[in-house]
Amino acid sequence: MRIDTYGQQIEITPPLRDYVDSKLARLERHFDHRPIELKVQLRVDKPMHCAEATVNLAGGRLLHADASGPDMYAAIDLLADKLDRLLMKHKEKVVDHHRGESPARKGDFA
């Protein structure tokens, strides 16, 4: 998984970059065999701190989430939770648990 972190009018310090990498590394567990590319933007909209992310999945799908919090670390935590939920929802759609077995799918036309 590749994570690109950049700031809009703020400097991204090494501890902040490491925190983003460690929190968003858990997203890799949803898609082990597919490469995931993340672009994370951090900015300050006073008095709130905002974090946005765009996820490029291997199939050409784009997922986007944003979060804001009283400090940058809280915003990153919220963003990680939102992205986790988005990826789980996407994974369920790909698996499609809603369809059951039918004679038309099996080819059993009696």
PDB file of N, CA and C in Angstrom:
ATOM      1  N   MET A   1       0.857  -1.169   0.000  1.00  0.00           N
ATOM      2  CA  MET A   1       0.000   0.000   0.000  1.00  0.00           C
ATOM      3  C   MET A   1       0.903   1.232   0.000  1.00  0.00           C
ATOM      4  N   ARG A   2       0.522   2.193  -0.825  1.00  0.00           N
ATOM      5  CA  ARG A   2       1.286   3.432  -0.911  1.00  0.00           C
ATOM      6  C   ARG A   2       0.445   4.571  -0.358  1.00  0.00           C
ATOM      7  N   ILE A   3       1.009   5.325   0.570  1.00  0.00           N
ATOM      8  CA  ILE A   3       0.309   6.450   1.189  1.00  0.00           C
ATOM      9  C   ILE A   3       1.083   7.722   0.886  1.00  0.00           C
ATOM     10  N   ASP A   4       0.458   8.638   0.159  1.00  0.00           N
ATOM     11  CA  ASP A   4       1.038   9.953  -0.114  1.00  0.00           C
ATOM     12  C   ASP A   4       0.359  10.956   0.807  1.00  0.00           C
ATOM     13  N   THR A   5       1.126  11.585   1.669  1.00  0.00           N
ATOM     14  CA  THR A   5       0.591  12.560   2.616  1.00  0.00           C
ATOM     15  C   THR A   5       1.145  13.933   2.278  1.00  0.00           C
ATOM     16  N   TYR A   6       0.256  14.887   2.149  1.00  0.00           N
ATOM     17  CA  TYR A   6       0.687  16.249   1.882  1.00  0.00           C
ATOM     18  C   TYR A   6      -0.209  17.209   2.629  1.00  0.00           C
ATOM     19  N   GLY A   7       0.292  18.415   2.851  1.00  0.00           N
ATOM     20  CA  GLY A   7      -0.438  19.410   3.612  1.00  0.00           C
ATOM     21  C   GLY A   7      -0.791  20.609   2.753  1.00  0.00           C
ATOM     22  N   GLN A   8      -1.906  21.203   3.073  1.00  0.00           N
ATOM     23  CA  GLN A   8      -2.321  22.427   2.407  1.00  0.00           C
ATOM     24  C   GLN A   8      -2.052  23.574   3.365  1.00  0.00           C
ATOM     25  N   GLN A   9      -1.001  24.306   3.099  1.00  0.00           N
ATOM     26  CA  GLN A   9      -0.556  25.443   3.893  1.00  0.00           C
ATOM     27  C   GLN A   9      -0.136  25.062   5.312  1.00  0.00           C
ATOM     28  N   ILE A  10       0.238  23.801   5.511  1.00  0.00           N
ATOM     29  CA  ILE A  10       0.860  23.378   6.767  1.00  0.00           C
ATOM     30  C   ILE A  10       2.019  22.445   6.424  1.00  0.00           C
ATOM     31  N   GLU A  11       2.968  22.363   7.315  1.00  0.00           N
ATOM     32  CA  GLU A  11       4.111  21.487   7.110  1.00  0.00           C
ATOM     33  C   GLU A  11       3.806  20.123   7.708  1.00  0.00           C
ATOM     34  N   ILE A  12       4.087  19.084   6.943  1.00  0.00           N
ATOM     35  CA  ILE A  12       3.886  17.722   7.430  1.00  0.00           C
ATOM     36  C   ILE A  12       5.188  17.280   8.091  1.00  0.00           C
ATOM     37  N   THR A  13       5.156  17.153   9.406  1.00  0.00           N
ATOM     38  CA  THR A  13       6.332  16.744  10.164  1.00  0.00           C
ATOM     39  C   THR A  13       6.475  15.221  10.114  1.00  0.00           C
ATOM     40  N   PRO A  14       7.671  14.704  10.327  1.00  0.00           N
ATOM     41  CA  PRO A  14       7.853  13.240  10.328  1.00  0.00           C
ATOM     42  C   PRO A  14       6.966  12.505  11.342  1.00  0.00           C
ATOM     43  N   PRO A  15       6.764  13.015  12.580  1.00  0.00           N
ATOM     44  CA  PRO A  15       5.846  12.296  13.483  1.00  0.00           C
ATOM     45  C   PRO A  15       4.404  12.274  12.964  1.00  0.00           C
ATOM     46  N   LEU A  16       3.975  13.351  12.319  1.00  0.00           N
ATOM     47  CA  LEU A  16       2.618  13.390  11.765  1.00  0.00           C
ATOM     48  C   LEU A  16       2.487  12.402  10.610  1.00  0.00           C
ATOM     49  N   ARG A  17       3.512  12.322   9.759  1.00  0.00           N
ATOM     50  CA  ARG A  17       3.509  11.377   8.637  1.00  0.00           C
ATOM     51  C   ARG A  17       3.510   9.936   9.151  1.00  0.00           C
ATOM     52  N   ASP A  18       4.301   9.663  10.186  1.00  0.00           N
ATOM     53  CA  ASP A  18       4.337   8.320  10.767  1.00  0.00           C
ATOM     54  C   ASP A  18       2.997   7.945  11.383  1.00  0.00           C
ATOM     55  N   TYR A  19       2.323   8.912  12.003  1.00  0.00           N
ATOM     56  CA  TYR A  19       1.014   8.646  12.604  1.00  0.00           C
ATOM     57  C   TYR A  19      -0.011   8.306  11.519  1.00  0.00           C
ATOM     58  N   VAL A  20       0.007   9.053  10.416  1.00  0.00           N
ATOM     59  CA  VAL A  20      -0.905   8.770   9.297  1.00  0.00           C
ATOM     60  C   VAL A  20      -0.621   7.376   8.748  1.00  0.00           C
ATOM     61  N   ASP A  21       0.644   7.044   8.555  1.00  0.00           N
ATOM     62  CA  ASP A  21       1.004   5.724   8.022  1.00  0.00           C
ATOM     63  C   ASP A  21       0.565   4.600   8.950  1.00  0.00           C
ATOM     64  N   SER A  22       0.750   4.788  10.252  1.00  0.00           N
ATOM     65  CA  SER A  22       0.391   3.722  11.191  1.00  0.00           C
ATOM     66  C   SER A  22      -1.121   3.548  11.301  1.00  0.00           C
ATOM     67  N   LYS A  23      -1.878   4.648  11.279  1.00  0.00           N
ATOM     68  CA  LYS A  23      -3.340   4.542  11.407  1.00  0.00           C
ATOM     69  C   LYS A  23      -3.980   3.979  10.143  1.00  0.00           C
ATOM     70  N   LEU A  24      -3.463   4.342   8.980  1.00  0.00           N
ATOM     71  CA  LEU A  24      -4.072   3.905   7.731  1.00  0.00           C
ATOM     72  C   LEU A  24      -3.523   2.571   7.236  1.00  0.00           C
ATOM     73  N   ALA A  25      -2.505   2.039   7.894  1.00  0.00           N
ATOM     74  CA  ALA A  25      -1.970   0.740   7.509  1.00  0.00           C
ATOM     75  C   ALA A  25      -2.971  -0.379   7.776  1.00  0.00           C
ATOM     76  N   ARG A  26      -3.902  -0.168   8.691  1.00  0.00           N
ATOM     77  CA  ARG A  26      -4.887  -1.205   8.998  1.00  0.00           C
ATOM     78  C   ARG A  26      -5.884  -1.399   7.854  1.00  0.00           C
ATOM     79  N   LEU A  27      -5.954  -0.454   6.925  1.00  0.00           N
ATOM     80  CA  LEU A  27      -6.865  -0.589   5.790  1.00  0.00           C
ATOM     81  C   LEU A  27      -6.409  -1.680   4.832  1.00  0.00           C
ATOM     82  N   GLU A  28      -5.149  -2.028   4.913  1.00  0.00           N
ATOM     83  CA  GLU A  28      -4.594  -3.029   4.010  1.00  0.00           C
ATOM     84  C   GLU A  28      -5.172  -4.418   4.267  1.00  0.00           C
ATOM     85  N   ARG A  29      -5.701  -4.656   5.439  1.00  0.00           N
ATOM     86  CA  ARG A  29      -6.226  -5.981   5.768  1.00  0.00           C
ATOM     87  C   ARG A  29      -7.467  -6.331   4.949  1.00  0.00           C
ATOM     88  N   HIS A  30      -8.148  -5.330   4.392  1.00  0.00           N
ATOM     89  CA  HIS A  30      -9.346  -5.605   3.606  1.00  0.00           C
ATOM     90  C   HIS A  30      -9.024  -6.161   2.225  1.00  0.00           C
ATOM     91  N   PHE A  31      -7.939  -5.723   1.646  1.00  0.00           N
ATOM     92  CA  PHE A  31      -7.558  -6.152   0.309  1.00  0.00           C
ATOM     93  C   PHE A  31      -6.085  -6.527   0.315  1.00  0.00           C
ATOM     94  N   ASP A  32      -5.796  -7.775   0.656  1.00  0.00           N
ATOM     95  CA  ASP A  32      -4.411  -8.222   0.767  1.00  0.00           C
ATOM     96  C   ASP A  32      -3.737  -8.332  -0.595  1.00  0.00           C
ATOM     97  N   HIS A  33      -4.461  -8.835  -1.564  1.00  0.00           N
ATOM     98  CA  HIS A  33      -3.853  -9.167  -2.844  1.00  0.00           C
ATOM     99  C   HIS A  33      -3.906  -8.032  -3.866  1.00  0.00           C
ATOM    100  N   ARG A  34      -4.532  -6.941  -3.544  1.00  0.00           N
ATOM    101  CA  ARG A  34      -4.652  -5.836  -4.493  1.00  0.00           C
ATOM    102  C   ARG A  34      -3.879  -4.624  -3.985  1.00  0.00           C
ATOM    103  N   PRO A  35      -3.195  -3.925  -4.879  1.00  0.00           N
ATOM    104  CA  PRO A  35      -2.501  -2.707  -4.439  1.00  0.00           C
ATOM    105  C   PRO A  35      -3.488  -1.572  -4.190  1.00  0.00           C
ATOM    106  N   ILE A  36      -3.259  -0.859  -3.118  1.00  0.00           N
ATOM    107  CA  ILE A  36      -4.108   0.274  -2.759  1.00  0.00           C
ATOM    108  C   ILE A  36      -3.230   1.516  -2.731  1.00  0.00           C
ATOM    109  N   GLU A  37      -3.727   2.599  -3.297  1.00  0.00           N
ATOM    110  CA  GLU A  37      -3.006   3.865  -3.271  1.00  0.00           C
ATOM    111  C   GLU A  37      -3.861   4.882  -2.534  1.00  0.00           C
ATOM    112  N   LEU A  38      -3.286   5.519  -1.542  1.00  0.00           N
ATOM    113  CA  LEU A  38      -3.976   6.517  -0.729  1.00  0.00           C
ATOM    114  C   LEU A  38      -3.319   7.880  -0.903  1.00  0.00           C
ATOM    115  N   LYS A  39      -4.142   8.903  -1.074  1.00  0.00           N
ATOM    116  CA  LYS A  39      -3.652  10.277  -1.080  1.00  0.00           C
ATOM    117  C   LYS A  39      -4.350  10.994   0.063  1.00  0.00           C
ATOM    118  N   VAL A  40      -3.569  11.457   1.020  1.00  0.00           N
ATOM    119  CA  VAL A  40      -4.108  12.077   2.225  1.00  0.00           C
ATOM    120  C   VAL A  40      -3.703  13.547   2.235  1.00  0.00           C
ATOM    121  N   GLN A  41      -4.692  14.409   2.415  1.00  0.00           N
ATOM    122  CA  GLN A  41      -4.449  15.845   2.505  1.00  0.00           C
ATOM    123  C   GLN A  41      -4.814  16.313   3.903  1.00  0.00           C
ATOM    124  N   LEU A  42      -3.910  17.034   4.535  1.00  0.00           N
ATOM    125  CA  LEU A  42      -4.146  17.587   5.864  1.00  0.00           C
ATOM    126  C   LEU A  42      -4.160  19.100   5.750  1.00  0.00           C
ATOM    127  N   ARG A  43      -5.133  19.736   6.415  1.00  0.00           N
ATOM    128  CA  ARG A  43      -5.214  21.199   6.380  1.00  0.00           C
ATOM    129  C   ARG A  43      -5.862  21.700   7.662  1.00  0.00           C
ATOM    130  N   VAL A  44      -5.727  23.003   7.885  1.00  0.00           N
ATOM    131  CA  VAL A  44      -6.321  23.630   9.059  1.00  0.00           C
ATOM    132  C   VAL A  44      -7.345  24.649   8.578  1.00  0.00           C
ATOM    133  N   ASP A  45      -8.609  24.430   8.925  1.00  0.00           N
ATOM    134  CA  ASP A  45      -9.684  25.404   8.727  1.00  0.00           C
ATOM    135  C   ASP A  45     -10.050  25.870  10.126  1.00  0.00           C
ATOM    136  N   LYS A  46      -9.477  26.964  10.534  1.00  0.00           N
ATOM    137  CA  LYS A  46      -9.610  27.395  11.927  1.00  0.00           C
ATOM    138  C   LYS A  46     -11.067  27.479  12.322  1.00  0.00           C
ATOM    139  N   PRO A  47     -11.426  26.963  13.452  1.00  0.00           N
ATOM    140  CA  PRO A  47     -10.644  26.345  14.518  1.00  0.00           C
ATOM    141  C   PRO A  47     -10.488  24.835  14.362  1.00  0.00           C
ATOM    142  N   MET A  48     -10.997  24.242  13.282  1.00  0.00           N
ATOM    143  CA  MET A  48     -10.958  22.787  13.112  1.00  0.00           C
ATOM    144  C   MET A  48      -9.772  22.371  12.239  1.00  0.00           C
ATOM    145  N   HIS A  49      -9.321  21.148  12.460  1.00  0.00           N
ATOM    146  CA  HIS A  49      -8.284  20.531  11.640  1.00  0.00           C
ATOM    147  C   HIS A  49      -8.966  19.491  10.764  1.00  0.00           C
ATOM    148  N   CYS A  50      -8.631  19.468   9.481  1.00  0.00           N
ATOM    149  CA  CYS A  50      -9.309  18.591   8.526  1.00  0.00           C
ATOM    150  C   CYS A  50      -8.321  17.618   7.897  1.00  0.00           C
ATOM    151  N   ALA A  51      -8.823  16.417   7.648  1.00  0.00           N
ATOM    152  CA  ALA A  51      -8.054  15.394   6.947  1.00  0.00           C
ATOM    153  C   ALA A  51      -8.961  14.801   5.873  1.00  0.00           C
ATOM    154  N   GLU A  52      -8.454  14.713   4.646  1.00  0.00           N
ATOM    155  CA  GLU A  52      -9.198  14.130   3.529  1.00  0.00           C
ATOM    156  C   GLU A  52      -8.351  13.045   2.902  1.00  0.00           C
ATOM    157  N   ALA A  53      -9.016  12.036   2.375  1.00  0.00           N
ATOM    158  CA  ALA A  53      -8.283  10.957   1.725  1.00  0.00           C
ATOM    159  C   ALA A  53      -9.045  10.463   0.512  1.00  0.00           C
ATOM    160  N   THR A  54      -8.295  10.110  -0.516  1.00  0.00           N
ATOM    161  CA  THR A  54      -8.843   9.481  -1.707  1.00  0.00           C
ATOM    162  C   THR A  54      -8.134   8.147  -1.868  1.00  0.00           C
ATOM    163  N   VAL A  55      -8.922   7.084  -2.009  1.00  0.00           N
ATOM    164  CA  VAL A  55      -8.385   5.737  -2.132  1.00  0.00           C
ATOM    165  C   VAL A  55      -8.574   5.285  -3.575  1.00  0.00           C
ATOM    166  N   ASN A  56      -7.482   4.907  -4.221  1.00  0.00           N
ATOM    167  CA  ASN A  56      -7.535   4.324  -5.563  1.00  0.00           C
ATOM    168  C   ASN A  56      -7.394   2.826  -5.418  1.00  0.00           C
ATOM    169  N   LEU A  57      -8.465   2.099  -5.725  1.00  0.00           N
ATOM    170  CA  LEU A  57      -8.425   0.646  -5.643  1.00  0.00           C
ATOM    171  C   LEU A  57      -7.950   0.078  -6.970  1.00  0.00           C
ATOM    172  N   ALA A  58      -7.558  -1.176  -6.964  1.00  0.00           N
ATOM    173  CA  ALA A  58      -6.974  -1.801  -8.144  1.00  0.00           C
ATOM    174  C   ALA A  58      -7.959  -1.878  -9.309  1.00  0.00           C
ATOM    175  N   GLY A  59      -9.233  -1.993  -9.054  1.00  0.00           N
ATOM    176  CA  GLY A  59     -10.219  -2.112 -10.116  1.00  0.00           C
ATOM    177  C   GLY A  59     -10.601  -0.786 -10.752  1.00  0.00           C
ATOM    178  N   GLY A  60      -9.923   0.280 -10.394  1.00  0.00           N
ATOM    179  CA  GLY A  60     -10.239   1.581 -10.944  1.00  0.00           C
ATOM    180  C   GLY A  60     -11.260   2.354 -10.138  1.00  0.00           C
ATOM    181  N   ARG A  61     -11.654   1.829  -8.995  1.00  0.00           N
ATOM    182  CA  ARG A  61     -12.639   2.499  -8.146  1.00  0.00           C
ATOM    183  C   ARG A  61     -11.961   3.560  -7.295  1.00  0.00           C
ATOM    184  N   LEU A  62     -12.677   4.662  -7.063  1.00  0.00           N
ATOM    185  CA  LEU A  62     -12.211   5.737  -6.195  1.00  0.00           C
ATOM    186  C   LEU A  62     -13.152   5.866  -5.013  1.00  0.00           C
ATOM    187  N   LEU A  63     -12.598   5.939  -3.828  1.00  0.00           N
ATOM    188  CA  LEU A  63     -13.368   6.179  -2.619  1.00  0.00           C
ATOM    189  C   LEU A  63     -12.802   7.427  -1.959  1.00  0.00           C
ATOM    190  N   HIS A  64     -13.685   8.266  -1.428  1.00  0.00           N
ATOM    191  CA  HIS A  64     -13.255   9.527  -0.822  1.00  0.00           C
ATOM    192  C   HIS A  64     -13.907   9.686   0.541  1.00  0.00           C
ATOM    193  N   ALA A  65     -13.132  10.190   1.495  1.00  0.00           N
ATOM    194  CA  ALA A  65     -13.663  10.467   2.833  1.00  0.00           C
ATOM    195  C   ALA A  65     -12.945  11.681   3.391  1.00  0.00           C
ATOM    196  N   ASP A  66     -13.640  12.406   4.247  1.00  0.00           N
ATOM    197  CA  ASP A  66     -13.018  13.527   4.938  1.00  0.00           C
ATOM    198  C   ASP A  66     -13.519  13.570   6.367  1.00  0.00           C
ATOM    199  N   ALA A  67     -12.706  14.142   7.232  1.00  0.00           N
ATOM    200  CA  ALA A  67     -13.041  14.229   8.654  1.00  0.00           C
ATOM    201  C   ALA A  67     -12.405  15.479   9.223  1.00  0.00           C
ATOM    202  N   SER A  68     -13.027  15.995  10.266  1.00  0.00           N
ATOM    203  CA  SER A  68     -12.456  17.156  10.951  1.00  0.00           C
ATOM    204  C   SER A  68     -12.564  16.940  12.451  1.00  0.00           C
ATOM    205  N   GLY A  69     -11.608  17.520  13.168  1.00  0.00           N
ATOM    206  CA  GLY A  69     -11.574  17.359  14.613  1.00  0.00           C
ATOM    207  C   GLY A  69     -10.886  18.539  15.264  1.00  0.00           C
ATOM    208  N   PRO A  70     -10.889  18.563  16.593  1.00  0.00           N
ATOM    209  CA  PRO A  70     -10.286  19.690  17.314  1.00  0.00           C
ATOM    210  C   PRO A  70      -8.768  19.758  17.162  1.00  0.00           C
ATOM    211  N   ASP A  71      -8.112  18.619  16.903  1.00  0.00           N
ATOM    212  CA  ASP A  71      -6.682  18.624  16.592  1.00  0.00           C
ATOM    213  C   ASP A  71      -6.436  17.644  15.443  1.00  0.00           C
ATOM    214  N   MET A  72      -5.241  17.697  14.872  1.00  0.00           N
ATOM    215  CA  MET A  72      -4.959  16.913  13.666  1.00  0.00           C
ATOM    216  C   MET A  72      -4.994  15.422  13.939  1.00  0.00           C
ATOM    217  N   TYR A  73      -4.535  14.994  15.102  1.00  0.00           N
ATOM    218  CA  TYR A  73      -4.523  13.564  15.420  1.00  0.00           C
ATOM    219  C   TYR A  73      -5.942  13.011  15.548  1.00  0.00           C
ATOM    220  N   ALA A  74      -6.863  13.787  16.108  1.00  0.00           N
ATOM    221  CA  ALA A  74      -8.258  13.357  16.202  1.00  0.00           C
ATOM    222  C   ALA A  74      -8.880  13.272  14.810  1.00  0.00           C
ATOM    223  N   ALA A  75      -8.547  14.222  13.938  1.00  0.00           N
ATOM    224  CA  ALA A  75      -9.077  14.201  12.569  1.00  0.00           C
ATOM    225  C   ALA A  75      -8.561  12.973  11.812  1.00  0.00           C
ATOM    226  N   ILE A  76      -7.312  12.607  12.026  1.00  0.00           N
ATOM    227  CA  ILE A  76      -6.749  11.427  11.370  1.00  0.00           C
ATOM    228  C   ILE A  76      -7.414  10.160  11.888  1.00  0.00           C
ATOM    229  N   ASP A  77      -7.687  10.097  13.200  1.00  0.00           N
ATOM    230  CA  ASP A  77      -8.389   8.940  13.770  1.00  0.00           C
ATOM    231  C   ASP A  77      -9.775   8.785  13.153  1.00  0.00           C
ATOM    232  N   LEU A  78     -10.514   9.885  13.058  1.00  0.00           N
ATOM    233  CA  LEU A  78     -11.850   9.833  12.467  1.00  0.00           C
ATOM    234  C   LEU A  78     -11.782   9.432  10.998  1.00  0.00           C
ATOM    235  N   LEU A  79     -10.795   9.938  10.277  1.00  0.00           N
ATOM    236  CA  LEU A  79     -10.634   9.593   8.869  1.00  0.00           C
ATOM    237  C   LEU A  79     -10.346   8.103   8.706  1.00  0.00           C
ATOM    238  N   ALA A  80      -9.504   7.551   9.555  1.00  0.00           N
ATOM    239  CA  ALA A  80      -9.187   6.123   9.480  1.00  0.00           C
ATOM    240  C   ALA A  80     -10.438   5.284   9.717  1.00  0.00           C
ATOM    241  N   ASP A  81     -11.271   5.679  10.676  1.00  0.00           N
ATOM    242  CA  ASP A  81     -12.513   4.946  10.944  1.00  0.00           C
ATOM    243  C   ASP A  81     -13.464   5.023   9.753  1.00  0.00           C
ATOM    244  N   LYS A  82     -13.595   6.208   9.157  1.00  0.00           N
ATOM    245  CA  LYS A  82     -14.478   6.362   8.003  1.00  0.00           C
ATOM    246  C   LYS A  82     -14.000   5.533   6.813  1.00  0.00           C
ATOM    247  N   LEU A  83     -12.702   5.551   6.561  1.00  0.00           N
ATOM    248  CA  LEU A  83     -12.173   4.774   5.443  1.00  0.00           C
ATOM    249  C   LEU A  83     -12.332   3.277   5.687  1.00  0.00           C
ATOM    250  N   ASP A  84     -12.194   2.859   6.930  1.00  0.00           N
ATOM    251  CA  ASP A  84     -12.391   1.449   7.267  1.00  0.00           C
ATOM    252  C   ASP A  84     -13.820   1.016   6.952  1.00  0.00           C
ATOM    253  N   ARG A  85     -14.791   1.845   7.328  1.00  0.00           N
ATOM    254  CA  ARG A  85     -16.190   1.528   7.041  1.00  0.00           C
ATOM    255  C   ARG A  85     -16.468   1.541   5.543  1.00  0.00           C
ATOM    256  N   LEU A  86     -15.893   2.501   4.824  1.00  0.00           N
ATOM    257  CA  LEU A  86     -16.085   2.570   3.373  1.00  0.00           C
ATOM    258  C   LEU A  86     -15.536   1.332   2.674  1.00  0.00           C
ATOM    259  N   LEU A  87     -14.358   0.885   3.085  1.00  0.00           N
ATOM    260  CA  LEU A  87     -13.769  -0.289   2.452  1.00  0.00           C
ATOM    261  C   LEU A  87     -14.539  -1.560   2.780  1.00  0.00           C
ATOM    262  N   MET A  88     -15.067  -1.668   4.007  1.00  0.00           N
ATOM    263  CA  MET A  88     -15.881  -2.829   4.343  1.00  0.00           C
ATOM    264  C   MET A  88     -17.158  -2.840   3.517  1.00  0.00           C
ATOM    265  N   LYS A  89     -17.773  -1.687   3.337  1.00  0.00           N
ATOM    266  CA  LYS A  89     -18.989  -1.588   2.538  1.00  0.00           C
ATOM    267  C   LYS A  89     -18.701  -1.929   1.075  1.00  0.00           C
ATOM    268  N   HIS A  90     -17.587  -1.442   0.557  1.00  0.00           N
ATOM    269  CA  HIS A  90     -17.211  -1.751  -0.821  1.00  0.00           C
ATOM    270  C   HIS A  90     -16.942  -3.240  -0.997  1.00  0.00           C
ATOM    271  N   LYS A  91     -16.289  -3.840  -0.017  1.00  0.00           N
ATOM    272  CA  LYS A  91     -15.971  -5.265  -0.084  1.00  0.00           C
ATOM    273  C   LYS A  91     -17.243  -6.107  -0.074  1.00  0.00           C
ATOM    274  N   GLU A  92     -18.241  -5.698   0.715  1.00  0.00           N
ATOM    275  CA  GLU A  92     -19.512  -6.419   0.736  1.00  0.00           C
ATOM    276  C   GLU A  92     -20.237  -6.297  -0.593  1.00  0.00           C
ATOM    277  N   LYS A  93     -20.135  -5.146  -1.236  1.00  0.00           N
ATOM    278  CA  LYS A  93     -20.769  -4.981  -2.536  1.00  0.00           C
ATOM    279  C   LYS A  93     -20.104  -5.860  -3.590  1.00  0.00           C
ATOM    280  N   VAL A  94     -18.791  -5.995  -3.503  1.00  0.00           N
ATOM    281  CA  VAL A  94     -18.079  -6.816  -4.467  1.00  0.00           C
ATOM    282  C   VAL A  94     -18.437  -8.279  -4.274  1.00  0.00           C
ATOM    283  N   VAL A  95     -18.551  -8.721  -3.025  1.00  0.00           N
ATOM    284  CA  VAL A  95     -18.885 -10.110  -2.739  1.00  0.00           C
ATOM    285  C   VAL A  95     -20.347 -10.374  -3.051  1.00  0.00           C
ATOM    286  N   ASP A  96     -21.224  -9.410  -2.795  1.00  0.00           N
ATOM    287  CA  ASP A  96     -22.658  -9.473  -3.089  1.00  0.00           C
ATOM    288  C   ASP A  96     -23.326 -10.645  -2.379  1.00  0.00           C
ATOM    289  N   HIS A  97     -23.555 -10.488  -1.107  1.00  0.00           N
ATOM    290  CA  HIS A  97     -24.191 -11.505  -0.290  1.00  0.00           C
ATOM    291  C   HIS A  97     -25.704 -11.554  -0.478  1.00  0.00           C
ATOM    292  N   HIS A  98     -26.268 -10.614  -1.182  1.00  0.00           N
ATOM    293  CA  HIS A  98     -27.714 -10.525  -1.289  1.00  0.00           C
ATOM    294  C   HIS A  98     -28.304 -11.558  -2.241  1.00  0.00           C
ATOM    295  N   ARG A  99     -27.524 -12.058  -3.135  1.00  0.00           N
ATOM    296  CA  ARG A  99     -28.058 -13.005  -4.110  1.00  0.00           C
ATOM    297  C   ARG A  99     -27.989 -14.415  -3.560  1.00  0.00           C
ATOM    298  N   GLY A 100     -29.063 -15.130  -3.725  1.00  0.00           N
ATOM    299  CA  GLY A 100     -29.108 -16.507  -3.271  1.00  0.00           C
ATOM    300  C   GLY A 100     -28.981 -17.444  -4.458  1.00  0.00           C
ATOM    301  N   GLU A 101     -29.113 -18.713  -4.188  1.00  0.00           N
ATOM    302  CA  GLU A 101     -29.044 -19.710  -5.250  1.00  0.00           C
ATOM    303  C   GLU A 101     -30.364 -19.721  -6.005  1.00  0.00           C
ATOM    304  N   SER A 102     -30.266 -19.861  -7.298  1.00  0.00           N
ATOM    305  CA  SER A 102     -31.469 -19.945  -8.115  1.00  0.00           C
ATOM    306  C   SER A 102     -31.236 -20.982  -9.205  1.00  0.00           C
ATOM    307  N   PRO A 103     -32.331 -21.593  -9.703  1.00  0.00           N
ATOM    308  CA  PRO A 103     -32.180 -22.589 -10.769  1.00  0.00           C
ATOM    309  C   PRO A 103     -31.568 -21.993 -12.040  1.00  0.00           C
ATOM    310  N   ALA A 104     -31.809 -20.720 -12.293  1.00  0.00           N
ATOM    311  CA  ALA A 104     -31.289 -20.093 -13.496  1.00  0.00           C
ATOM    312  C   ALA A 104     -29.762 -19.994 -13.447  1.00  0.00           C
ATOM    313  N   ARG A 105     -29.228 -19.774 -12.266  1.00  0.00           N
ATOM    314  CA  ARG A 105     -27.771 -19.679 -12.153  1.00  0.00           C
ATOM    315  C   ARG A 105     -27.095 -21.035 -12.245  1.00  0.00           C
ATOM    316  N   LYS A 106     -27.728 -22.036 -11.688  1.00  0.00           N
ATOM    317  CA  LYS A 106     -27.136 -23.371 -11.712  1.00  0.00           C
ATOM    318  C   LYS A 106     -27.226 -24.000 -13.087  1.00  0.00           C
ATOM    319  N   GLY A 107     -28.169 -23.559 -13.869  1.00  0.00           N
ATOM    320  CA  GLY A 107     -28.373 -24.168 -15.183  1.00  0.00           C
ATOM    321  C   GLY A 107     -29.302 -25.361 -15.110  1.00  0.00           C
ATOM    322  N   ASP A 108     -29.987 -25.509 -13.983  1.00  0.00           N
ATOM    323  CA  ASP A 108     -30.911 -26.634 -13.819  1.00  0.00           C
ATOM    324  C   ASP A 108     -32.300 -26.215 -14.288  1.00  0.00           C
ATOM    325  N   PHE A 109     -32.578 -26.409 -15.541  1.00  0.00           N
ATOM    326  CA  PHE A 109     -33.905 -26.115 -16.073  1.00  0.00           C
ATOM    327  C   PHE A 109     -34.614 -27.424 -16.337  1.00  0.00           C
ATOM    328  N   ALA A 110     -35.463 -27.809 -15.423  1.00  0.00           N
ATOM    329  CA  ALA A 110     -36.114 -29.117 -15.529  1.00  0.00           C
ATOM    330  C   ALA A 110     -37.370 -29.077 -16.321  1.00  0.00           C
TER     331      ALA A 110
END
